[in-house]
N, C-alpha and C. Protein backbone atom coordinates (compact mmCIF):
# COMPACT_ATOMS: atom_id res chain seq x y z
N GLU A 1 1.01 -1.18 -0.07
CA GLU A 1 0.06 0.04 -0.08
C GLU A 1 0.91 1.42 -0.09
N GLY A 2 0.38 2.22 -0.86
CA GLY A 2 1.36 3.51 -0.90
C GLY A 2 2.46 3.31 -1.98
N ILE A 3 2.76 2.20 -2.66
CA ILE A 3 3.88 2.16 -3.72
C ILE A 3 3.34 2.08 -5.06
N GLY A 4 3.25 2.98 -5.90
CA GLY A 4 2.82 2.96 -7.16
C GLY A 4 3.90 2.69 -8.37
N PRO A 5 3.44 2.78 -9.30
CA PRO A 5 4.58 2.55 -10.31
C PRO A 5 5.73 3.56 -10.40
N LYS A 6 5.21 4.88 -10.01
CA LYS A 6 6.66 5.77 -10.21
C LYS A 6 7.43 5.52 -9.11
N ILE A 7 6.99 5.40 -7.77
CA ILE A 7 7.81 5.03 -6.83
C ILE A 7 8.46 3.74 -6.64
N ASP A 8 7.84 2.63 -7.40
CA ASP A 8 8.44 1.35 -7.74
C ASP A 8 9.81 1.63 -8.52
N ASP A 9 9.51 2.55 -9.88
CA ASP A 9 10.63 2.86 -10.66
C ASP A 9 11.80 3.30 -9.76
N LEU A 10 11.63 4.37 -9.12
CA LEU A 10 12.21 5.28 -8.25
C LEU A 10 13.07 4.17 -7.08
N LEU A 11 12.40 3.30 -6.61
CA LEU A 11 13.10 2.51 -5.63
C LEU A 11 14.32 1.26 -6.55
N ARG A 12 13.46 0.95 -7.72
CA ARG A 12 14.43 0.08 -8.71
C ARG A 12 15.92 0.84 -9.05
N ILE A 13 15.48 2.25 -9.32
CA ILE A 13 16.59 2.93 -9.76
C ILE A 13 17.71 2.86 -8.93
N HIS A 14 17.38 2.88 -7.58
CA HIS A 14 18.11 2.84 -6.42
C HIS A 14 18.62 1.71 -5.69
N GLY A 15 18.35 0.69 -6.67
CA GLY A 15 18.71 -0.72 -6.12
C GLY A 15 17.90 -1.79 -5.28
N VAL A 16 16.57 -1.07 -5.01
CA VAL A 16 15.53 -1.70 -4.09
C VAL A 16 14.80 -2.55 -5.22
N GLU A 17 14.98 -3.78 -5.07
CA GLU A 17 14.28 -4.78 -6.50
C GLU A 17 13.40 -5.95 -5.69
N SER A 18 13.64 -5.86 -4.53
CA SER A 18 12.83 -7.16 -3.79
C SER A 18 12.13 -6.77 -2.53
N PHE A 19 11.14 -7.42 -2.25
CA PHE A 19 10.47 -7.20 -0.80
C PHE A 19 11.39 -7.39 0.29
N VAL A 20 12.67 -8.09 0.08
CA VAL A 20 13.32 -8.53 1.08
C VAL A 20 14.14 -7.27 1.38
N GLN A 21 14.71 -6.39 0.17
CA GLN A 21 15.42 -5.29 0.27
C GLN A 21 14.83 -4.22 0.93
N LEU A 22 13.44 -3.97 0.50
CA LEU A 22 12.63 -3.05 1.07
C LEU A 22 12.40 -3.16 2.42
N ALA A 23 12.40 -4.37 3.00
CA ALA A 23 11.94 -4.66 4.15
C ALA A 23 13.14 -4.33 5.08
N GLN A 24 14.26 -4.24 4.75
CA GLN A 24 15.30 -3.86 5.42
C GLN A 24 15.91 -2.36 5.45
N LEU A 25 14.71 -1.75 4.63
CA LEU A 25 15.18 -0.26 4.65
C LEU A 25 14.69 0.62 6.02
N HIS A 26 15.20 1.18 6.63
CA HIS A 26 14.76 2.38 7.46
C HIS A 26 13.99 3.53 7.23
N VAL A 27 12.67 3.66 7.73
CA VAL A 27 12.10 4.55 7.38
C VAL A 27 12.88 6.16 6.61
N ASP A 28 13.94 6.58 7.24
CA ASP A 28 14.84 7.44 6.98
C ASP A 28 15.42 7.23 5.66
N ASP A 29 15.76 6.22 5.23
CA ASP A 29 16.37 5.79 4.25
C ASP A 29 15.38 6.16 2.80
N LEU A 30 14.41 5.45 3.51
CA LEU A 30 13.17 5.56 2.32
C LEU A 30 12.47 7.08 2.10
N LEU A 31 12.77 7.98 2.86
CA LEU A 31 12.39 9.55 2.94
C LEU A 31 13.63 10.01 2.08
N ASP A 32 14.79 9.42 2.29
CA ASP A 32 15.80 10.01 1.80
C ASP A 32 15.61 9.67 0.07
N LEU A 33 15.39 8.46 -0.06
CA LEU A 33 15.18 8.16 -1.57
C LEU A 33 13.98 8.97 -2.33
N LEU A 34 12.96 9.15 -1.63
CA LEU A 34 11.69 9.82 -2.03
C LEU A 34 12.33 11.48 -2.31
N GLU A 35 13.18 11.89 -1.31
CA GLU A 35 13.60 13.26 -1.43
C GLU A 35 14.33 13.48 -2.88
N ARG A 36 15.41 12.38 -3.11
CA ARG A 36 15.91 12.47 -4.12
C ARG A 36 15.05 12.32 -5.57
N GLY A 37 13.93 11.76 -5.40
CA GLY A 37 13.16 11.73 -6.54
C GLY A 37 12.34 12.96 -7.01
N GLY A 38 12.40 14.08 -6.13
CA GLY A 38 11.86 15.22 -6.50
C GLY A 38 10.60 15.59 -5.70
N PRO A 39 9.91 16.64 -6.01
CA PRO A 39 8.67 17.20 -5.35
C PRO A 39 7.61 16.25 -5.20
N ASN A 40 7.39 15.71 -6.47
CA ASN A 40 6.30 14.53 -6.66
C ASN A 40 6.41 13.63 -5.64
N PHE A 41 7.35 13.23 -5.09
CA PHE A 41 7.59 11.94 -4.28
C PHE A 41 7.34 12.42 -2.86
N ARG A 42 7.47 13.78 -2.55
CA ARG A 42 7.40 14.08 -1.18
C ARG A 42 6.14 13.80 -0.42
N LEU A 43 5.19 13.67 -0.90
CA LEU A 43 3.90 13.12 -0.33
C LEU A 43 3.70 11.92 0.30
N ALA A 44 4.73 11.05 -0.53
CA ALA A 44 4.31 9.67 -0.09
C ALA A 44 5.07 9.49 1.48
N ASN A 45 4.21 8.40 2.12
CA ASN A 45 4.11 8.15 3.55
C ASN A 45 4.87 6.72 3.56
N PRO A 46 6.28 6.48 3.79
CA PRO A 46 6.95 5.23 3.75
C PRO A 46 6.81 4.52 5.21
N ALA A 47 6.23 5.09 6.11
CA ALA A 47 6.29 4.68 7.36
C ALA A 47 5.89 2.91 7.57
N ASN A 48 5.03 2.58 6.59
CA ASN A 48 4.67 1.03 6.86
C ASN A 48 5.24 0.11 5.69
N TRP A 49 6.03 0.90 4.88
CA TRP A 49 6.50 0.05 3.55
C TRP A 49 7.31 -1.15 4.03
N ALA A 50 8.25 -0.94 4.77
CA ALA A 50 9.25 -2.17 5.37
C ALA A 50 8.22 -3.18 5.82
N GLU A 51 7.24 -2.67 6.96
CA GLU A 51 6.49 -3.91 7.46
C GLU A 51 5.87 -4.89 6.31
N GLN A 52 5.18 -3.84 5.34
CA GLN A 52 4.33 -4.87 4.59
C GLN A 52 5.53 -5.61 3.65
N ALA A 53 6.57 -5.12 3.09
CA ALA A 53 7.39 -5.96 2.59
C ALA A 53 8.00 -7.19 3.15
N LEU A 54 8.17 -7.24 4.51
CA LEU A 54 8.60 -8.12 5.27
C LEU A 54 7.53 -9.29 5.31
N LEU A 55 6.30 -8.75 5.52
CA LEU A 55 5.14 -9.81 5.40
C LEU A 55 5.08 -10.52 4.12
N ALA A 56 5.36 -9.39 2.85
CA ALA A 56 5.24 -10.22 1.54
C ALA A 56 6.26 -11.21 1.45
N ALA A 57 7.79 -10.62 1.63
CA ALA A 57 8.78 -11.76 1.43
C ALA A 57 8.64 -13.01 2.41
N GLU A 58 7.80 -12.87 3.43
CA GLU A 58 7.76 -14.04 4.13
C GLU A 58 6.57 -14.89 3.65
N ASN A 59 6.04 -14.39 2.64
CA ASN A 59 4.59 -15.10 2.25
C ASN A 59 3.52 -15.06 3.29
N ARG A 60 3.38 -13.98 3.99
CA ARG A 60 2.36 -14.21 5.24
C ARG A 60 1.26 -12.78 4.38
N TRP A 61 0.64 -13.39 3.52
CA TRP A 61 -0.16 -12.46 2.67
C TRP A 61 -1.41 -12.40 3.30
N SER A 62 -1.94 -13.35 3.85
CA SER A 62 -3.26 -12.89 5.04
C SER A 62 -3.07 -11.84 5.87
N GLU A 63 -1.83 -11.73 6.31
CA GLU A 63 -1.61 -10.63 7.58
C GLU A 63 -1.24 -9.59 6.66
N LEU A 64 -0.63 -9.40 5.60
CA LEU A 64 -0.53 -8.13 4.71
C LEU A 64 -1.91 -7.73 4.46
N ARG A 65 -2.68 -8.35 3.90
CA ARG A 65 -4.09 -8.12 3.60
C ARG A 65 -4.62 -7.25 4.61
N LYS A 66 -4.73 -7.98 5.80
CA LYS A 66 -5.12 -7.62 6.99
C LYS A 66 -4.61 -6.12 7.46
N LEU A 67 -3.38 -6.11 7.44
CA LEU A 67 -2.55 -4.72 7.58
C LEU A 67 -3.17 -3.75 6.79
N GLN A 68 -3.24 -4.15 5.62
CA GLN A 68 -3.62 -3.07 4.30
C GLN A 68 -4.96 -2.64 4.48
N ALA A 69 -5.89 -3.48 4.96
CA ALA A 69 -7.52 -3.37 4.88
C ALA A 69 -7.50 -2.18 6.06
N GLY A 70 -6.78 -2.39 7.15
CA GLY A 70 -6.68 -1.50 8.33
C GLY A 70 -5.99 0.00 7.86
N MET A 71 -5.88 0.05 6.83
CA MET A 71 -5.22 1.54 6.47
C MET A 71 -5.97 2.46 5.51
N ILE A 72 -5.67 3.79 5.84
CA ILE A 72 -6.60 4.58 4.82
C ILE A 72 -5.53 5.25 4.22
N GLY A 73 -5.41 5.03 2.64
CA GLY A 73 -4.20 5.17 1.99
C GLY A 73 -3.17 4.61 2.25
N ASP A 74 -2.01 5.29 2.66
CA ASP A 74 -0.96 4.48 3.19
C ASP A 74 -0.68 4.52 4.77
N VAL A 75 -1.71 4.95 5.36
CA VAL A 75 -1.57 5.47 6.85
C VAL A 75 -2.64 4.22 7.63
N ARG A 76 -2.22 3.59 8.57
CA ARG A 76 -2.94 3.03 9.44
C ARG A 76 -4.00 3.91 10.21
N ARG A 77 -5.23 3.02 10.31
CA ARG A 77 -6.45 3.72 10.87
C ARG A 77 -5.95 3.86 12.24
N ALA A 78 -6.56 5.06 13.10
CA ALA A 78 -6.53 4.71 14.48
C ALA A 78 -7.88 4.10 14.80
N ASP A 79 -7.66 3.03 15.73
CA ASP A 79 -8.80 2.32 16.52
C ASP A 79 -9.50 3.12 17.59
């Protein structure tokens, strides 16, 4: 959730080509990559990307869908 085709391209340009690689990145690293992408990327919120990528890398698809269902856009809903 939160990564569309343009952000996917940006990540790949910077060597992030797998869920495992994405899961290992800290939010600050992701923010830096987005900053390098220019002003159109600054609105993205990478707070949950590594968590989602870890679930995908570990084939925990039902947990990933549950996490994403509890999000509005790319932000977790407050309960």
